[in-house]
Amino acid sequence: MTSLNVYGYDKYDLTENLEALRPFVGADKFVDADIDPTAYDSNDLVGMNRWVNLFQCAHAYVTNYNGTFDYMVDMRKRDSSLTIPMLRGVLNCMRAELSRMDKFKDTNSADTIATEDTISGRYAIDLNGKLGFFKVDVVTEGKWAGWTFVKRIIGGGRGSDNLVPVKGSERSTVLNTIGSDPQGAMLRYGQEIGICGVCSRDLTDESSRAKGIGPICSENLGW
């Protein structure tokens, strides 16, 4: 499984297990009757199908869980002897995690931000009268496709230690400001820092430093 470490109590990627529960999630928390087969009429095929799906969702999540949330760790140890109240608790943990996922997606989705011409790279923009440097990751493949992550660059270096996540309204402001002139913002980063905003290599040539981008990246982007 792939390590995420981005939200909630799940340390590992259990998205597939969680999404299987989504069709059965309502406004209210799950109760014991939802996972108790005796609460359904045996002739009620829809109800029995719901019970089977909830039962399978809960057990699959418990079986695959490899995080550190104490309740879920305990449930995994008890996997073969889970009671109805325990299964109900698992379903509500999953319900809460789906909510966290959705909130995380809302603050990192590119759908509501004008980033059509913005590519992954490093940018320099003026914010509130101060020059700021940002790293933008526009994801085009995989499970995070369509999402855009923004991090403020603090200090020198190119590692992750000097990257601080930008969220909420500040993230929207940063992306919209970059989106108004992505080429200019990326070239300015190169001019100010002396590092190409596309490939992150040092700009050692005088003309490249003046332009803010190296010749190969410039040719590739048509700049």
Protein backbone atom coordinates (compact mmCIF):
# COMPACT_ATOMS: atom_id res chain seq x y z
CA MET A 1 0.00 0.00 0.00
CA THR A 2 1.09 3.57 -0.63
CA SER A 3 1.87 5.84 2.31
CA LEU A 4 -0.13 9.09 2.27
CA ASN A 5 0.35 10.87 5.59
CA VAL A 6 -1.89 13.71 4.45
CA TYR A 7 -5.08 13.52 6.43
CA GLY A 8 -6.92 11.90 9.32
CA TYR A 9 -5.77 8.87 11.23
CA ASP A 10 -5.08 6.57 8.29
CA LYS A 11 -1.38 6.26 7.56
CA TYR A 12 -1.87 4.14 4.48
CA ASP A 13 -3.91 4.37 1.32
CA LEU A 14 -7.31 2.82 2.06
CA THR A 15 -9.21 5.01 -0.38
CA GLU A 16 -10.65 2.09 -2.34
CA ASN A 17 -12.07 0.55 0.83
CA LEU A 18 -13.48 3.90 1.92
CA GLU A 19 -15.06 4.71 -1.45
CA ALA A 20 -16.90 1.38 -1.39
CA LEU A 21 -18.82 2.69 1.62
CA ARG A 22 -19.73 6.07 0.11
CA PRO A 23 -23.03 4.96 -1.53
CA PHE A 24 -24.32 3.92 1.90
CA VAL A 25 -23.31 7.05 3.82
CA GLY A 26 -26.18 9.32 4.85
CA ALA A 27 -26.64 12.37 7.01
CA ASP A 28 -26.72 10.32 10.23
CA LYS A 29 -24.14 8.02 11.75
CA PHE A 30 -24.50 4.29 11.37
CA VAL A 31 -26.38 2.46 14.14
CA ASP A 32 -26.33 -1.17 15.26
CA ALA A 33 -29.45 -1.95 13.22
CA ASP A 34 -27.56 -1.08 10.02
CA ILE A 35 -25.13 -3.94 10.55
CA ASP A 36 -27.50 -6.39 12.29
CA PRO A 37 -28.94 -8.95 9.81
CA THR A 38 -31.88 -9.67 12.14
CA ALA A 39 -33.03 -6.08 11.69
CA TYR A 40 -33.82 -6.77 8.02
CA ASP A 41 -36.70 -8.73 6.55
CA SER A 42 -35.24 -11.75 4.77
CA ASN A 43 -37.59 -11.01 1.86
CA ASP A 44 -36.27 -7.44 1.63
CA LEU A 45 -33.59 -7.96 -1.02
CA VAL A 46 -32.58 -4.29 -1.02
CA GLY A 47 -32.17 -4.25 2.74
CA MET A 48 -30.27 -7.53 2.84
CA ASN A 49 -28.01 -6.31 0.04
CA ARG A 50 -27.30 -3.18 2.09
CA TRP A 51 -26.40 -5.30 5.12
CA VAL A 52 -24.07 -7.53 3.08
CA ASN A 53 -22.29 -4.52 1.60
CA LEU A 54 -21.88 -2.77 4.96
CA PHE A 55 -20.58 -5.98 6.53
CA GLN A 56 -18.07 -6.48 3.72
CA CYS A 57 -16.97 -2.82 3.76
CA ALA A 58 -16.30 -2.90 7.50
CA HIS A 59 -14.38 -6.17 7.43
CA ALA A 60 -12.33 -5.19 4.35
CA TYR A 61 -11.33 -1.91 6.02
CA VAL A 62 -10.34 -3.68 9.24
CA THR A 63 -8.38 -6.34 7.36
CA ASN A 64 -6.44 -3.82 5.25
CA TYR A 65 -5.95 -1.22 7.96
CA ASN A 66 -2.30 -0.59 8.79
CA GLY A 67 -2.46 2.81 10.44
CA THR A 68 -1.97 3.96 14.02
CA PHE A 69 -5.46 4.98 15.20
CA ASP A 70 -5.85 3.03 18.47
CA TYR A 71 -9.48 2.02 17.93
CA MET A 72 -8.79 0.63 14.47
CA VAL A 73 -5.62 -1.14 15.62
CA ASP A 74 -7.69 -2.86 18.29
CA MET A 75 -10.41 -3.77 15.79
CA ARG A 76 -7.85 -5.38 13.51
CA LYS A 77 -6.63 -7.56 16.36
CA ARG A 78 -10.24 -8.65 16.92
CA ASP A 79 -11.05 -9.09 13.22
CA SER A 80 -12.41 -12.62 13.50
CA SER A 81 -14.59 -11.82 16.52
CA LEU A 82 -16.00 -8.38 15.78
CA THR A 83 -19.40 -7.74 17.35
CA ILE A 84 -22.18 -5.69 15.80
CA PRO A 85 -21.35 -2.59 17.94
CA MET A 86 -17.70 -2.93 16.92
CA LEU A 87 -18.59 -3.13 13.23
CA ARG A 88 -20.85 -0.10 13.66
CA GLY A 89 -17.88 1.74 15.19
CA VAL A 90 -15.70 0.79 12.23
CA LEU A 91 -18.31 2.06 9.77
CA ASN A 92 -18.50 5.39 11.60
CA CYS A 93 -14.70 5.65 11.57
CA MET A 94 -14.83 5.13 7.83
CA ARG A 95 -17.62 7.69 7.53
CA ALA A 96 -15.51 10.24 9.41
CA GLU A 97 -12.49 9.51 7.22
CA LEU A 98 -14.52 10.02 4.05
CA SER A 99 -15.53 13.42 5.41
CA ARG A 100 -11.88 14.28 6.06
CA MET A 101 -10.97 13.18 2.55
CA ASP A 102 -13.65 15.41 1.06
CA LYS A 103 -12.54 18.42 3.09
CA PHE A 104 -8.94 17.81 2.06
CA LYS A 105 -10.01 17.56 -1.58
CA ASP A 106 -12.03 20.79 -1.35
CA THR A 107 -8.94 22.72 -0.25
CA ASN A 108 -6.59 21.16 -2.80
CA SER A 109 -8.70 20.65 -5.90
CA ALA A 110 -7.87 22.70 -8.97
CA ASP A 111 -11.47 22.65 -10.15
CA THR A 112 -12.40 26.02 -8.64
CA ILE A 113 -9.10 27.77 -9.35
CA ALA A 114 -8.06 29.33 -12.66
CA THR A 115 -4.89 27.28 -13.28
CA GLU A 116 -5.39 26.27 -16.91
CA ASP A 117 -2.01 27.67 -18.01
CA THR A 118 -0.19 26.98 -14.76
CA ILE A 119 2.30 24.11 -14.87
CA SER A 120 4.21 22.39 -12.08
CA GLY A 121 7.18 24.47 -11.06
CA ARG A 122 8.42 27.35 -8.94
CA TYR A 123 7.05 30.88 -9.05
CA ALA A 124 7.71 34.33 -7.61
CA ILE A 125 4.79 36.72 -7.04
CA ASP A 126 3.97 39.84 -5.06
CA LEU A 127 1.55 39.25 -2.19
CA ASN A 128 0.50 41.99 0.18
CA GLY A 129 3.43 44.11 -0.86
CA LYS A 130 5.99 41.36 -0.33
CA LEU A 131 7.74 39.06 -2.77
CA GLY A 132 6.88 35.41 -2.17
CA PHE A 133 8.26 32.20 -3.64
CA PHE A 134 6.06 29.15 -4.22
CA LYS A 135 6.26 25.62 -5.52
CA VAL A 136 3.19 24.39 -7.40
CA ASP A 137 2.48 20.75 -8.21
CA VAL A 138 -0.26 20.24 -10.81
CA VAL A 139 -1.09 16.54 -10.72
CA THR A 140 -2.21 15.06 -14.05
CA GLU A 141 -2.01 11.32 -13.38
CA GLY A 142 -2.92 8.84 -10.67
CA LYS A 143 -5.40 9.12 -7.83
CA TRP A 144 -4.61 12.82 -7.21
CA ALA A 145 -5.15 13.78 -10.87
CA GLY A 146 -6.86 17.17 -11.12
CA TRP A 147 -5.47 18.37 -7.80
CA THR A 148 -3.03 21.24 -7.37
CA PHE A 149 -0.76 21.49 -4.34
CA VAL A 150 0.91 24.74 -3.30
CA LYS A 151 3.86 25.17 -0.95
CA ARG A 152 5.68 28.29 0.16
CA ILE A 153 9.46 28.16 -0.30
CA ILE A 154 11.27 29.28 2.84
CA GLY A 155 15.04 29.70 2.90
CA GLY A 156 17.47 28.17 0.47
CA GLY A 157 17.93 24.72 -0.93
CA ARG A 158 15.72 22.50 -3.04
CA GLY A 159 14.67 19.88 -0.51
CA SER A 160 11.30 19.38 1.15
CA ASP A 161 12.50 20.81 4.47
CA ASN A 162 12.00 24.35 3.25
CA LEU A 163 8.51 23.81 1.81
CA VAL A 164 5.46 24.87 3.82
CA PRO A 165 1.97 23.83 2.60
CA VAL A 166 -0.34 26.70 1.63
CA LYS A 167 -4.07 26.10 2.14
CA GLY A 168 -7.44 27.82 2.23
CA SER A 169 -7.93 31.36 1.01
CA GLU A 170 -4.18 32.02 0.80
CA ARG A 171 -3.81 29.09 -1.58
CA SER A 172 -6.59 30.47 -3.80
CA THR A 173 -4.93 33.89 -3.81
CA VAL A 174 -1.55 32.42 -4.73
CA LEU A 175 -2.94 30.28 -7.55
CA ASN A 176 -5.08 33.07 -8.98
CA THR A 177 -2.16 35.49 -8.87
CA ILE A 178 0.12 32.99 -10.60
CA GLY A 179 -2.67 32.09 -13.02
CA SER A 180 -2.94 35.68 -14.19
CA ASP A 181 0.59 35.46 -15.63
CA PRO A 182 2.20 32.04 -15.02
CA GLN A 183 5.02 32.62 -17.49
CA GLY A 184 5.97 35.93 -15.92
CA ALA A 185 5.80 34.49 -12.39
CA MET A 186 7.99 31.54 -13.28
CA LEU A 187 10.56 33.65 -15.11
CA ARG A 188 10.66 36.04 -12.18
CA TYR A 189 11.52 33.16 -9.86
CA GLY A 190 14.52 32.34 -12.04
CA GLN A 191 15.59 35.97 -12.18
CA GLU A 192 15.27 36.48 -8.42
CA ILE A 193 16.73 33.16 -7.20
CA GLY A 194 19.03 32.16 -10.05
CA ILE A 195 17.37 28.75 -10.31
CA CYS A 196 15.19 27.60 -13.19
CA GLY A 197 11.55 27.44 -12.09
CA VAL A 198 10.93 24.47 -14.38
CA CYS A 199 13.81 22.04 -13.75
CA SER A 200 15.28 23.64 -10.59
CA ARG A 201 18.80 23.73 -12.01
CA ASP A 202 21.19 26.62 -11.34
CA LEU A 203 21.16 29.29 -14.03
CA THR A 204 24.89 29.77 -14.59
CA ASP A 205 24.72 31.45 -17.99
CA GLU A 206 24.34 35.23 -17.90
CA SER A 207 21.61 35.31 -20.55
CA SER A 208 19.69 32.53 -18.77
CA ARG A 209 19.84 34.41 -15.46
CA ALA A 210 18.62 37.56 -17.17
CA LYS A 211 15.74 35.70 -18.77
CA GLY A 212 14.97 33.58 -15.70
CA ILE A 213 15.01 30.21 -17.46
CA GLY A 214 17.50 27.86 -19.08
CA PRO A 215 17.68 27.37 -22.86
CA ILE A 216 16.32 23.79 -22.88
CA CYS A 217 13.30 24.57 -20.71
CA SER A 218 12.72 27.77 -22.65
CA GLU A 219 12.67 25.87 -25.92
CA ASN A 220 10.44 23.13 -24.54
CA LEU A 221 7.87 25.67 -23.35
CA GLY A 222 8.16 27.94 -26.37
CA TRP A 223 9.28 30.86 -24.20
